[in-house]
Amino acid sequence: MGRELKVLSNTKKPRLPKPEWLKIRIGDPTNQNHVLQLIEGLNLHTVCQEARCPNIFECWSDRTATFMLGGDTCTRHCGFCAVNKGVPMELDPQEPCHVAEAVKHLNLAHAVITSVNRDDLPDGGAGHWAETIKQVRAMNPECKIEVLIPDFNGDEDALNTVLEARPDVLNHNTETIARLYRRVRPDAKYQQTLTLLERAARWRDTKQPQMLTKSGIMAGLGEEFDEVVELMKDLRSVSCDIMTIGQYLQPYERRLPVERYVTPEEFAEWKQIGEAMGFKHIESSPLTRSSYHARQQAESK
């Protein structure tokens, strides 16, 4: 009997079939190829590719991309992420300039920049972040800059280094509810994320009132509807301006499975609840990701 139970416990959970509302229309590859060639030519990485974003066809058809700093290998072990894990490469000193050149070539009005976690670096890569923001702004003065930053292990000085470069939007994703952090984000802390967002909001209120703060989560990892509402309250308690809510999609077999597919109606209800709470903008739909419709989100203020 004991042996039989052991066998059953090791049985892999079957993948849930994707519902109709998650079918994606593939766009014109012409502009997609243009972006890909540019990125490869400048030795850049995009989160569009590395995180296997479902909106890559739509966004690249619009000649936009989210740039990923610090290489393609992350020092964290998040259960949902498709990005490589392990020992990362040395920082490329030309990367800030190359990102700025790519933004210029693509003629972006709103550039989104993110990175892998670089816990191997004393400042978590904050100085590299700041230099990238400065070079993008110098080469593209009319372009709005949104940064999706790591938590820098709670280092306030590292956060301030990024803030002093004056991004237009400071984004740090919560990713999931507090109860699921150990399984979903084992190297991160829920309260540390809220503290980072609170510090960024304090900076906004005292030094850069036009800056927006932003955070996002994935649904379908085992959270309850009301737990998401409680998380939304937590984000508003630290004066977060913008929130994104999207469906988690398992990137490959060794990542966390999808526990359920949230209906479009539930996403719409979260949006209504968030608007009533006072968020400046809520982007909530099955295919929403952090940088999806990012320009429109920032303009909604």
C-alpha atoms as a PDB file:
ATOM      1  CA  MET A   1       0.000   0.000   0.000  1.00  0.00           C
ATOM      2  CA  GLY A   2       2.809   2.397   0.965  1.00  0.00           C
ATOM      3  CA  ARG A   3       4.638   1.695  -2.277  1.00  0.00           C
ATOM      4  CA  GLU A   4       1.456   2.283  -4.272  1.00  0.00           C
ATOM      5  CA  LEU A   5       0.952   5.673  -2.607  1.00  0.00           C
ATOM      6  CA  LYS A   6       4.539   6.653  -3.385  1.00  0.00           C
ATOM      7  CA  VAL A   7       4.048   5.861  -7.056  1.00  0.00           C
ATOM      8  CA  LEU A   8       0.857   7.901  -7.151  1.00  0.00           C
ATOM      9  CA  SER A   9       2.524  10.870  -5.450  1.00  0.00           C
ATOM     10  CA  ASN A  10       5.236  10.955  -8.116  1.00  0.00           C
ATOM     11  CA  THR A  11       2.717  11.089 -10.953  1.00  0.00           C
ATOM     12  CA  LYS A  12       3.109  14.300 -12.926  1.00  0.00           C
ATOM     13  CA  LYS A  13       0.141  16.636 -12.933  1.00  0.00           C
ATOM     14  CA  PRO A  14      -1.235  16.815 -16.491  1.00  0.00           C
ATOM     15  CA  ARG A  15      -1.168  20.173 -18.220  1.00  0.00           C
ATOM     16  CA  LEU A  16      -4.479  21.964 -18.369  1.00  0.00           C
ATOM     17  CA  PRO A  17      -5.735  22.617 -21.918  1.00  0.00           C
ATOM     18  CA  LYS A  18      -5.613  26.276 -22.900  1.00  0.00           C
ATOM     19  CA  PRO A  19      -9.023  27.940 -23.179  1.00  0.00           C
ATOM     20  CA  GLU A  20     -10.195  29.700 -26.336  1.00  0.00           C
ATOM     21  CA  TRP A  21      -9.481  33.186 -24.984  1.00  0.00           C
ATOM     22  CA  LEU A  22      -5.727  32.459 -24.849  1.00  0.00           C
ATOM     23  CA  LYS A  23      -5.365  31.783 -28.559  1.00  0.00           C
ATOM     24  CA  ILE A  24      -2.912  34.295 -30.064  1.00  0.00           C
ATOM     25  CA  ARG A  25      -3.040  35.706 -33.577  1.00  0.00           C
ATOM     26  CA  ILE A  26       0.390  35.684 -35.235  1.00  0.00           C
ATOM     27  CA  GLY A  27       1.202  39.008 -36.847  1.00  0.00           C
ATOM     28  CA  ASP A  28       3.229  40.179 -39.836  1.00  0.00           C
ATOM     29  CA  PRO A  29       6.787  38.814 -39.401  1.00  0.00           C
ATOM     30  CA  THR A  30       8.417  41.675 -41.342  1.00  0.00           C
ATOM     31  CA  ASN A  31       8.772  44.079 -38.424  1.00  0.00           C
ATOM     32  CA  GLN A  32       9.421  41.211 -36.008  1.00  0.00           C
ATOM     33  CA  ASN A  33      12.450  40.217 -38.067  1.00  0.00           C
ATOM     34  CA  HIS A  34      13.610  43.843 -38.200  1.00  0.00           C
ATOM     35  CA  VAL A  35      13.651  44.022 -34.381  1.00  0.00           C
ATOM     36  CA  LEU A  36      15.359  40.628 -34.077  1.00  0.00           C
ATOM     37  CA  GLN A  37      18.127  41.579 -36.513  1.00  0.00           C
ATOM     38  CA  LEU A  38      18.738  44.862 -34.705  1.00  0.00           C
ATOM     39  CA  ILE A  39      18.927  43.193 -31.294  1.00  0.00           C
ATOM     40  CA  GLU A  40      21.289  40.477 -32.490  1.00  0.00           C
ATOM     41  CA  GLY A  41      23.490  43.057 -34.223  1.00  0.00           C
ATOM     42  CA  LEU A  42      23.890  45.040 -30.988  1.00  0.00           C
ATOM     43  CA  ASN A  43      24.399  41.914 -28.823  1.00  0.00           C
ATOM     44  CA  LEU A  44      21.270  42.661 -26.778  1.00  0.00           C
ATOM     45  CA  HIS A  45      18.730  40.473 -25.008  1.00  0.00           C
ATOM     46  CA  THR A  46      14.988  41.064 -24.744  1.00  0.00           C
ATOM     47  CA  VAL A  47      12.595  39.775 -22.136  1.00  0.00           C
ATOM     48  CA  CYS A  48      10.218  39.209 -25.054  1.00  0.00           C
ATOM     49  CA  GLN A  49      12.409  36.279 -26.119  1.00  0.00           C
ATOM     50  CA  GLU A  50      13.919  35.134 -22.825  1.00  0.00           C
ATOM     51  CA  ALA A  51      10.596  35.029 -20.916  1.00  0.00           C
ATOM     52  CA  ARG A  52       8.703  33.646 -23.938  1.00  0.00           C
ATOM     53  CA  CYS A  53       6.135  36.431 -23.777  1.00  0.00           C
ATOM     54  CA  PRO A  54       2.812  35.560 -25.478  1.00  0.00           C
ATOM     55  CA  ASN A  55       2.537  39.106 -26.855  1.00  0.00           C
ATOM     56  CA  ILE A  56       5.824  39.028 -28.762  1.00  0.00           C
ATOM     57  CA  PHE A  57       4.100  38.951 -32.177  1.00  0.00           C
ATOM     58  CA  GLU A  58       1.801  41.872 -31.403  1.00  0.00           C
ATOM     59  CA  CYS A  59       4.499  44.035 -29.827  1.00  0.00           C
ATOM     60  CA  TRP A  60       7.238  43.279 -32.338  1.00  0.00           C
ATOM     61  CA  SER A  61       4.801  43.922 -35.190  1.00  0.00           C
ATOM     62  CA  ASP A  62       4.522  47.396 -33.661  1.00  0.00           C
ATOM     63  CA  ARG A  63       8.371  47.575 -33.634  1.00  0.00           C
ATOM     64  CA  THR A  64       8.645  47.671 -29.847  1.00  0.00           C
ATOM     65  CA  ALA A  65      10.605  45.510 -27.445  1.00  0.00           C
ATOM     66  CA  THR A  66      11.496  45.264 -23.763  1.00  0.00           C
ATOM     67  CA  PHE A  67      15.280  45.242 -23.311  1.00  0.00           C
ATOM     68  CA  MET A  68      16.891  43.013 -20.688  1.00  0.00           C
ATOM     69  CA  LEU A  69      20.120  44.152 -19.046  1.00  0.00           C
ATOM     70  CA  GLY A  70      22.858  42.084 -17.448  1.00  0.00           C
ATOM     71  CA  GLY A  71      22.952  39.131 -19.818  1.00  0.00           C
ATOM     72  CA  ASP A  72      20.614  36.159 -20.172  1.00  0.00           C
ATOM     73  CA  THR A  73      21.420  34.265 -16.939  1.00  0.00           C
ATOM     74  CA  CYS A  74      19.732  35.027 -13.603  1.00  0.00           C
ATOM     75  CA  THR A  75      21.034  34.362 -10.083  1.00  0.00           C
ATOM     76  CA  ARG A  76      17.528  33.668  -8.716  1.00  0.00           C
ATOM     77  CA  HIS A  77      15.463  30.469  -8.939  1.00  0.00           C
ATOM     78  CA  CYS A  78      11.870  31.644  -9.402  1.00  0.00           C
ATOM     79  CA  GLY A  79       9.518  28.758 -10.136  1.00  0.00           C
ATOM     80  CA  PHE A  80       7.713  30.492 -13.007  1.00  0.00           C
ATOM     81  CA  CYS A  81      10.513  32.033 -15.052  1.00  0.00           C
ATOM     82  CA  ALA A  82      11.920  30.790 -18.365  1.00  0.00           C
ATOM     83  CA  VAL A  83      15.168  32.794 -18.115  1.00  0.00           C
ATOM     84  CA  ASN A  84      18.391  30.788 -17.643  1.00  0.00           C
ATOM     85  CA  LYS A  85      19.607  30.227 -14.067  1.00  0.00           C
ATOM     86  CA  GLY A  86      23.217  29.947 -12.984  1.00  0.00           C
ATOM     87  CA  VAL A  87      26.440  31.954 -12.950  1.00  0.00           C
ATOM     88  CA  PRO A  88      25.997  35.041 -15.143  1.00  0.00           C
ATOM     89  CA  MET A  89      28.523  36.592 -17.490  1.00  0.00           C
ATOM     90  CA  GLU A  90      30.390  39.812 -16.742  1.00  0.00           C
ATOM     91  CA  LEU A  91      28.497  42.997 -17.467  1.00  0.00           C
ATOM     92  CA  ASP A  92      28.984  44.354 -20.984  1.00  0.00           C
ATOM     93  CA  PRO A  93      30.200  47.962 -20.601  1.00  0.00           C
ATOM     94  CA  GLN A  94      28.832  48.737 -24.082  1.00  0.00           C
ATOM     95  CA  GLU A  95      25.327  47.536 -23.227  1.00  0.00           C
ATOM     96  CA  PRO A  96      23.940  50.921 -22.035  1.00  0.00           C
ATOM     97  CA  CYS A  97      25.039  52.529 -25.301  1.00  0.00           C
ATOM     98  CA  HIS A  98      23.675  49.656 -27.375  1.00  0.00           C
ATOM     99  CA  VAL A  99      20.264  49.868 -25.677  1.00  0.00           C
ATOM    100  CA  ALA A 100      20.201  53.616 -26.366  1.00  0.00           C
ATOM    101  CA  GLU A 101      21.070  52.975 -30.027  1.00  0.00           C
ATOM    102  CA  ALA A 102      18.325  50.359 -30.331  1.00  0.00           C
ATOM    103  CA  VAL A 103      15.740  52.730 -28.846  1.00  0.00           C
ATOM    104  CA  LYS A 104      16.806  55.367 -31.375  1.00  0.00           C
ATOM    105  CA  HIS A 105      16.739  52.996 -34.353  1.00  0.00           C
ATOM    106  CA  LEU A 106      13.252  51.770 -33.382  1.00  0.00           C
ATOM    107  CA  ASN A 107      12.100  55.354 -32.797  1.00  0.00           C
ATOM    108  CA  LEU A 108      10.385  54.373 -29.555  1.00  0.00           C
ATOM    109  CA  ALA A 109       8.155  56.793 -27.697  1.00  0.00           C
ATOM    110  CA  HIS A 110       8.210  54.595 -24.583  1.00  0.00           C
ATOM    111  CA  ALA A 111      11.130  52.260 -23.845  1.00  0.00           C
ATOM    112  CA  VAL A 112      10.827  49.474 -21.283  1.00  0.00           C
ATOM    113  CA  ILE A 113      14.032  48.175 -19.711  1.00  0.00           C
ATOM    114  CA  THR A 114      14.334  45.233 -17.337  1.00  0.00           C
ATOM    115  CA  SER A 115      17.122  42.910 -16.196  1.00  0.00           C
ATOM    116  CA  VAL A 116      18.001  39.563 -14.746  1.00  0.00           C
ATOM    117  CA  ASN A 117      18.805  39.515 -11.025  1.00  0.00           C
ATOM    118  CA  ARG A 118      22.518  40.073 -10.467  1.00  0.00           C
ATOM    119  CA  ASP A 119      23.012  39.096  -6.833  1.00  0.00           C
ATOM    120  CA  ASP A 120      26.660  38.402  -7.717  1.00  0.00           C
ATOM    121  CA  LEU A 121      27.344  42.159  -7.976  1.00  0.00           C
ATOM    122  CA  PRO A 122      27.869  44.387  -4.911  1.00  0.00           C
ATOM    123  CA  ASP A 123      25.164  46.837  -6.029  1.00  0.00           C
ATOM    124  CA  GLY A 124      22.984  44.256  -7.781  1.00  0.00           C
ATOM    125  CA  GLY A 125      23.728  46.008 -11.073  1.00  0.00           C
ATOM    126  CA  ALA A 126      22.204  49.350  -9.991  1.00  0.00           C
ATOM    127  CA  GLY A 127      25.063  51.387 -11.435  1.00  0.00           C
ATOM    128  CA  HIS A 128      24.675  49.629 -14.783  1.00  0.00           C
ATOM    129  CA  TRP A 129      20.958  50.392 -14.641  1.00  0.00           C
ATOM    130  CA  ALA A 130      21.574  54.083 -13.971  1.00  0.00           C
ATOM    131  CA  GLU A 131      24.099  54.373 -16.816  1.00  0.00           C
ATOM    132  CA  THR A 132      21.628  52.759 -19.226  1.00  0.00           C
ATOM    133  CA  ILE A 133      18.845  55.190 -18.271  1.00  0.00           C
ATOM    134  CA  LYS A 134      21.205  58.141 -18.705  1.00  0.00           C
ATOM    135  CA  GLN A 135      22.417  57.017 -22.135  1.00  0.00           C
ATOM    136  CA  VAL A 136      18.919  56.199 -23.405  1.00  0.00           C
ATOM    137  CA  ARG A 137      17.717  59.638 -22.316  1.00  0.00           C
ATOM    138  CA  ALA A 138      20.743  61.437 -23.783  1.00  0.00           C
ATOM    139  CA  MET A 139      20.248  59.813 -27.180  1.00  0.00           C
ATOM    140  CA  ASN A 140      16.425  59.865 -27.062  1.00  0.00           C
ATOM    141  CA  PRO A 141      15.336  62.948 -25.089  1.00  0.00           C
ATOM    142  CA  GLU A 142      11.663  62.665 -26.087  1.00  0.00           C
ATOM    143  CA  CYS A 143      11.370  58.981 -25.164  1.00  0.00           C
ATOM    144  CA  LYS A 144       9.703  57.963 -21.882  1.00  0.00           C
ATOM    145  CA  ILE A 145      11.722  55.406 -19.916  1.00  0.00           C
ATOM    146  CA  GLU A 146      10.101  52.657 -17.863  1.00  0.00           C
ATOM    147  CA  VAL A 147      12.308  50.410 -15.744  1.00  0.00           C
ATOM    148  CA  LEU A 148      11.278  47.019 -14.363  1.00  0.00           C
ATOM    149  CA  ILE A 149      13.880  46.497 -11.661  1.00  0.00           C
ATOM    150  CA  PRO A 150      14.885  43.630  -9.348  1.00  0.00           C
ATOM    151  CA  ASP A 151      14.682  44.056  -5.569  1.00  0.00           C
ATOM    152  CA  PHE A 152      18.467  44.599  -5.097  1.00  0.00           C
ATOM    153  CA  ASN A 153      18.124  42.437  -1.955  1.00  0.00           C
ATOM    154  CA  GLY A 154      16.440  45.343  -0.210  1.00  0.00           C
ATOM    155  CA  ASP A 155      19.440  47.681  -0.637  1.00  0.00           C
ATOM    156  CA  GLU A 156      17.999  51.214  -0.469  1.00  0.00           C
ATOM    157  CA  ASP A 157      21.208  52.781  -1.781  1.00  0.00           C
ATOM    158  CA  ALA A 158      21.001  50.618  -4.913  1.00  0.00           C
ATOM    159  CA  LEU A 159      17.380  51.636  -5.425  1.00  0.00           C
ATOM    160  CA  ASN A 160      18.309  55.296  -4.998  1.00  0.00           C
ATOM    161  CA  THR A 161      21.036  54.910  -7.628  1.00  0.00           C
ATOM    162  CA  VAL A 162      18.344  53.944 -10.144  1.00  0.00           C
ATOM    163  CA  LEU A 163      15.892  56.601  -8.960  1.00  0.00           C
ATOM    164  CA  GLU A 164      18.535  59.338  -9.221  1.00  0.00           C
ATOM    165  CA  ALA A 165      18.757  58.577 -12.956  1.00  0.00           C
ATOM    166  CA  ARG A 166      15.086  59.703 -13.033  1.00  0.00           C
ATOM    167  CA  PRO A 167      13.098  57.051 -14.913  1.00  0.00           C
ATOM    168  CA  ASP A 168       9.546  58.005 -15.866  1.00  0.00           C
ATOM    169  CA  VAL A 169       8.043  54.766 -14.511  1.00  0.00           C
ATOM    170  CA  LEU A 170       9.549  52.655 -11.693  1.00  0.00           C
ATOM    171  CA  ASN A 171       8.175  49.105 -11.869  1.00  0.00           C
ATOM    172  CA  HIS A 172       8.897  46.198  -9.548  1.00  0.00           C
ATOM    173  CA  ASN A 173       6.676  43.158  -9.824  1.00  0.00           C
ATOM    174  CA  THR A 174       5.065  41.524  -6.813  1.00  0.00           C
ATOM    175  CA  GLU A 175       4.495  38.459  -9.044  1.00  0.00           C
ATOM    176  CA  THR A 176       2.120  36.603  -6.662  1.00  0.00           C
ATOM    177  CA  ILE A 177       0.379  36.700  -3.292  1.00  0.00           C
ATOM    178  CA  ALA A 178       2.344  36.463  -0.036  1.00  0.00           C
ATOM    179  CA  ARG A 179       1.176  32.907   0.727  1.00  0.00           C
ATOM    180  CA  LEU A 180       2.778  31.554  -2.464  1.00  0.00           C
ATOM    181  CA  TYR A 181       6.141  33.321  -2.229  1.00  0.00           C
ATOM    182  CA  ARG A 182       8.082  30.339  -0.911  1.00  0.00           C
ATOM    183  CA  ARG A 183       7.027  28.237  -3.900  1.00  0.00           C
ATOM    184  CA  VAL A 184       6.949  30.927  -6.588  1.00  0.00           C
ATOM    185  CA  ARG A 185       9.745  33.340  -5.507  1.00  0.00           C
ATOM    186  CA  PRO A 186      11.931  31.396  -3.041  1.00  0.00           C
ATOM    187  CA  ASP A 187      14.753  33.971  -3.109  1.00  0.00           C
ATOM    188  CA  ALA A 188      12.494  36.991  -2.549  1.00  0.00           C
ATOM    189  CA  LYS A 189      10.367  38.405   0.260  1.00  0.00           C
ATOM    190  CA  TYR A 190       6.867  39.812  -0.106  1.00  0.00           C
ATOM    191  CA  GLN A 191       7.386  42.572   2.460  1.00  0.00           C
ATOM    192  CA  GLN A 192      10.702  43.540   0.851  1.00  0.00           C
ATOM    193  CA  THR A 193       8.869  44.094  -2.437  1.00  0.00           C
ATOM    194  CA  LEU A 194       6.300  46.330  -0.734  1.00  0.00           C
ATOM    195  CA  THR A 195       9.096  48.250   1.010  1.00  0.00           C
ATOM    196  CA  LEU A 196      10.846  48.884  -2.316  1.00  0.00           C
ATOM    197  CA  LEU A 197       7.617  50.238  -3.821  1.00  0.00           C
ATOM    198  CA  GLU A 198       6.991  52.371  -0.744  1.00  0.00           C
ATOM    199  CA  ARG A 199      10.483  53.889  -0.974  1.00  0.00           C
ATOM    200  CA  ALA A 200       9.976  54.584  -4.678  1.00  0.00           C
ATOM    201  CA  ALA A 201       6.647  56.292  -3.927  1.00  0.00           C
ATOM    202  CA  ARG A 202       8.318  58.407  -1.249  1.00  0.00           C
ATOM    203  CA  TRP A 203      10.943  59.457  -3.811  1.00  0.00           C
ATOM    204  CA  ARG A 204       8.170  60.310  -6.271  1.00  0.00           C
ATOM    205  CA  ASP A 205       6.303  62.411  -3.719  1.00  0.00           C
ATOM    206  CA  THR A 206       9.351  64.373  -2.546  1.00  0.00           C
ATOM    207  CA  LYS A 207      11.632  64.624  -5.601  1.00  0.00           C
ATOM    208  CA  GLN A 208       9.938  63.596  -8.852  1.00  0.00           C
ATOM    209  CA  PRO A 209       6.134  63.987  -8.738  1.00  0.00           C
ATOM    210  CA  GLN A 210       5.699  63.126 -12.413  1.00  0.00           C
ATOM    211  CA  MET A 211       7.206  59.630 -11.945  1.00  0.00           C
ATOM    212  CA  LEU A 212       4.807  56.688 -11.662  1.00  0.00           C
ATOM    213  CA  THR A 213       5.225  53.528  -9.592  1.00  0.00           C
ATOM    214  CA  LYS A 214       4.003  50.213 -10.885  1.00  0.00           C
ATOM    215  CA  SER A 215       3.745  46.527  -9.963  1.00  0.00           C
ATOM    216  CA  GLY A 216       2.208  43.374 -11.403  1.00  0.00           C
ATOM    217  CA  ILE A 217       1.217  39.808 -10.672  1.00  0.00           C
ATOM    218  CA  MET A 218       0.469  36.559 -12.486  1.00  0.00           C
ATOM    219  CA  ALA A 219      -2.822  34.767 -11.805  1.00  0.00           C
ATOM    220  CA  GLY A 220      -3.355  31.023 -11.986  1.00  0.00           C
ATOM    221  CA  LEU A 221      -0.610  29.865  -9.611  1.00  0.00           C
ATOM    222  CA  GLY A 222      -2.973  28.790  -6.828  1.00  0.00           C
ATOM    223  CA  GLU A 223      -4.202  32.086  -5.422  1.00  0.00           C
ATOM    224  CA  GLU A 224      -7.853  32.753  -4.551  1.00  0.00           C
ATOM    225  CA  PHE A 225      -9.790  35.662  -6.062  1.00  0.00           C
ATOM    226  CA  ASP A 226     -10.027  37.511  -2.732  1.00  0.00           C
ATOM    227  CA  GLU A 227      -6.307  37.022  -2.056  1.00  0.00           C
ATOM    228  CA  VAL A 228      -5.581  39.059  -5.182  1.00  0.00           C
ATOM    229  CA  VAL A 229      -7.898  41.767  -3.874  1.00  0.00           C
ATOM    230  CA  GLU A 230      -5.927  41.817  -0.603  1.00  0.00           C
ATOM    231  CA  LEU A 231      -2.690  42.143  -2.557  1.00  0.00           C
ATOM    232  CA  MET A 232      -4.188  45.064  -4.457  1.00  0.00           C
ATOM    233  CA  LYS A 233      -4.955  46.714  -1.129  1.00  0.00           C
ATOM    234  CA  ASP A 234      -1.317  46.179  -0.080  1.00  0.00           C
ATOM    235  CA  LEU A 235      -0.100  47.887  -3.255  1.00  0.00           C
ATOM    236  CA  ARG A 236      -2.409  50.836  -2.708  1.00  0.00           C
ATOM    237  CA  SER A 237      -1.196  51.075   0.896  1.00  0.00           C
ATOM    238  CA  VAL A 238       2.285  51.872  -0.491  1.00  0.00           C
ATOM    239  CA  SER A 239       0.793  54.329  -3.013  1.00  0.00           C
ATOM    240  CA  CYS A 240       1.399  52.211  -6.126  1.00  0.00           C
ATOM    241  CA  ASP A 241       0.021  53.986  -9.230  1.00  0.00           C
ATOM    242  CA  ILE A 242      -0.282  51.246 -11.861  1.00  0.00           C
ATOM    243  CA  MET A 243      -0.972  47.517 -11.560  1.00  0.00           C
ATOM    244  CA  THR A 244      -0.897  44.728 -14.147  1.00  0.00           C
ATOM    245  CA  ILE A 245      -2.638  41.352 -13.753  1.00  0.00           C
ATOM    246  CA  GLY A 246      -2.175  38.594 -16.314  1.00  0.00           C
ATOM    247  CA  GLN A 247      -2.515  34.846 -16.705  1.00  0.00           C
ATOM    248  CA  TYR A 248       0.511  32.727 -15.789  1.00  0.00           C
ATOM    249  CA  LEU A 249       1.536  30.441 -18.648  1.00  0.00           C
ATOM    250  CA  GLN A 250       3.963  27.594 -17.944  1.00  0.00           C
ATOM    251  CA  PRO A 251       6.982  28.279 -20.196  1.00  0.00           C
ATOM    252  CA  TYR A 252       8.188  24.668 -20.186  1.00  0.00           C
ATOM    253  CA  GLU A 253       7.731  21.418 -18.273  1.00  0.00           C
ATOM    254  CA  ARG A 254      10.171  22.033 -15.396  1.00  0.00           C
ATOM    255  CA  ARG A 255       8.513  25.302 -14.382  1.00  0.00           C
ATOM    256  CA  LEU A 256       5.496  25.583 -12.083  1.00  0.00           C
ATOM    257  CA  PRO A 257       2.274  24.216 -13.584  1.00  0.00           C
ATOM    258  CA  VAL A 258      -0.792  26.336 -14.249  1.00  0.00           C
ATOM    259  CA  GLU A 259      -3.236  25.641 -11.425  1.00  0.00           C
ATOM    260  CA  ARG A 260      -6.166  27.181 -13.277  1.00  0.00           C
ATOM    261  CA  TYR A 261      -7.007  29.503 -16.156  1.00  0.00           C
ATOM    262  CA  VAL A 262      -8.675  32.631 -14.834  1.00  0.00           C
ATOM    263  CA  THR A 263     -11.680  33.761 -16.865  1.00  0.00           C
ATOM    264  CA  PRO A 264     -11.794  37.126 -18.675  1.00  0.00           C
ATOM    265  CA  GLU A 265     -14.734  38.032 -16.465  1.00  0.00           C
ATOM    266  CA  GLU A 266     -12.622  37.658 -13.317  1.00  0.00           C
ATOM    267  CA  PHE A 267      -9.871  39.820 -14.820  1.00  0.00           C
ATOM    268  CA  ALA A 268     -12.490  42.455 -15.644  1.00  0.00           C
ATOM    269  CA  GLU A 269     -13.773  42.342 -12.073  1.00  0.00           C
ATOM    270  CA  TRP A 270     -10.255  42.858 -10.667  1.00  0.00           C
ATOM    271  CA  LYS A 271      -9.912  45.855 -12.967  1.00  0.00           C
ATOM    272  CA  GLN A 272     -13.124  47.384 -11.633  1.00  0.00           C
ATOM    273  CA  ILE A 273     -12.087  46.748  -8.029  1.00  0.00           C
ATOM    274  CA  GLY A 274      -8.652  48.295  -8.625  1.00  0.00           C
ATOM    275  CA  GLU A 275     -10.094  51.388 -10.237  1.00  0.00           C
ATOM    276  CA  ALA A 276     -12.376  51.838  -7.228  1.00  0.00           C
ATOM    277  CA  MET A 277      -9.328  51.554  -4.941  1.00  0.00           C
ATOM    278  CA  GLY A 278      -7.679  54.513  -6.671  1.00  0.00           C
ATOM    279  CA  PHE A 279      -5.071  53.013  -9.004  1.00  0.00           C
ATOM    280  CA  LYS A 280      -4.320  55.436 -11.834  1.00  0.00           C
ATOM    281  CA  HIS A 281      -4.434  52.497 -14.231  1.00  0.00           C
ATOM    282  CA  ILE A 282      -5.203  48.768 -14.027  1.00  0.00           C
ATOM    283  CA  GLU A 283      -4.244  46.515 -16.947  1.00  0.00           C
ATOM    284  CA  SER A 284      -6.011  43.216 -16.249  1.00  0.00           C
ATOM    285  CA  SER A 285      -6.608  40.531 -18.868  1.00  0.00           C
ATOM    286  CA  PRO A 286      -5.416  36.992 -19.662  1.00  0.00           C
ATOM    287  CA  LEU A 287      -2.571  38.170 -21.942  1.00  0.00           C
ATOM    288  CA  THR A 288      -1.477  41.152 -19.846  1.00  0.00           C
ATOM    289  CA  ARG A 289       2.244  41.282 -19.054  1.00  0.00           C
ATOM    290  CA  SER A 290       4.315  43.961 -17.289  1.00  0.00           C
ATOM    291  CA  SER A 291       5.181  45.889 -20.435  1.00  0.00           C
ATOM    292  CA  TYR A 292       1.999  45.147 -22.392  1.00  0.00           C
ATOM    293  CA  HIS A 293       0.439  48.493 -23.412  1.00  0.00           C
ATOM    294  CA  ALA A 294       3.050  50.174 -21.192  1.00  0.00           C
ATOM    295  CA  ARG A 295       2.956  53.458 -23.099  1.00  0.00           C
ATOM    296  CA  GLN A 296      -0.822  53.681 -22.817  1.00  0.00           C
ATOM    297  CA  GLN A 297      -0.624  52.927 -19.098  1.00  0.00           C
ATOM    298  CA  ALA A 298       1.827  55.768 -18.476  1.00  0.00           C
ATOM    299  CA  GLU A 299      -0.218  58.163 -20.577  1.00  0.00           C
ATOM    300  CA  SER A 300      -3.394  57.435 -18.597  1.00  0.00           C
ATOM    301  CA  LYS A 301      -2.201  59.539 -15.651  1.00  0.00           C
END
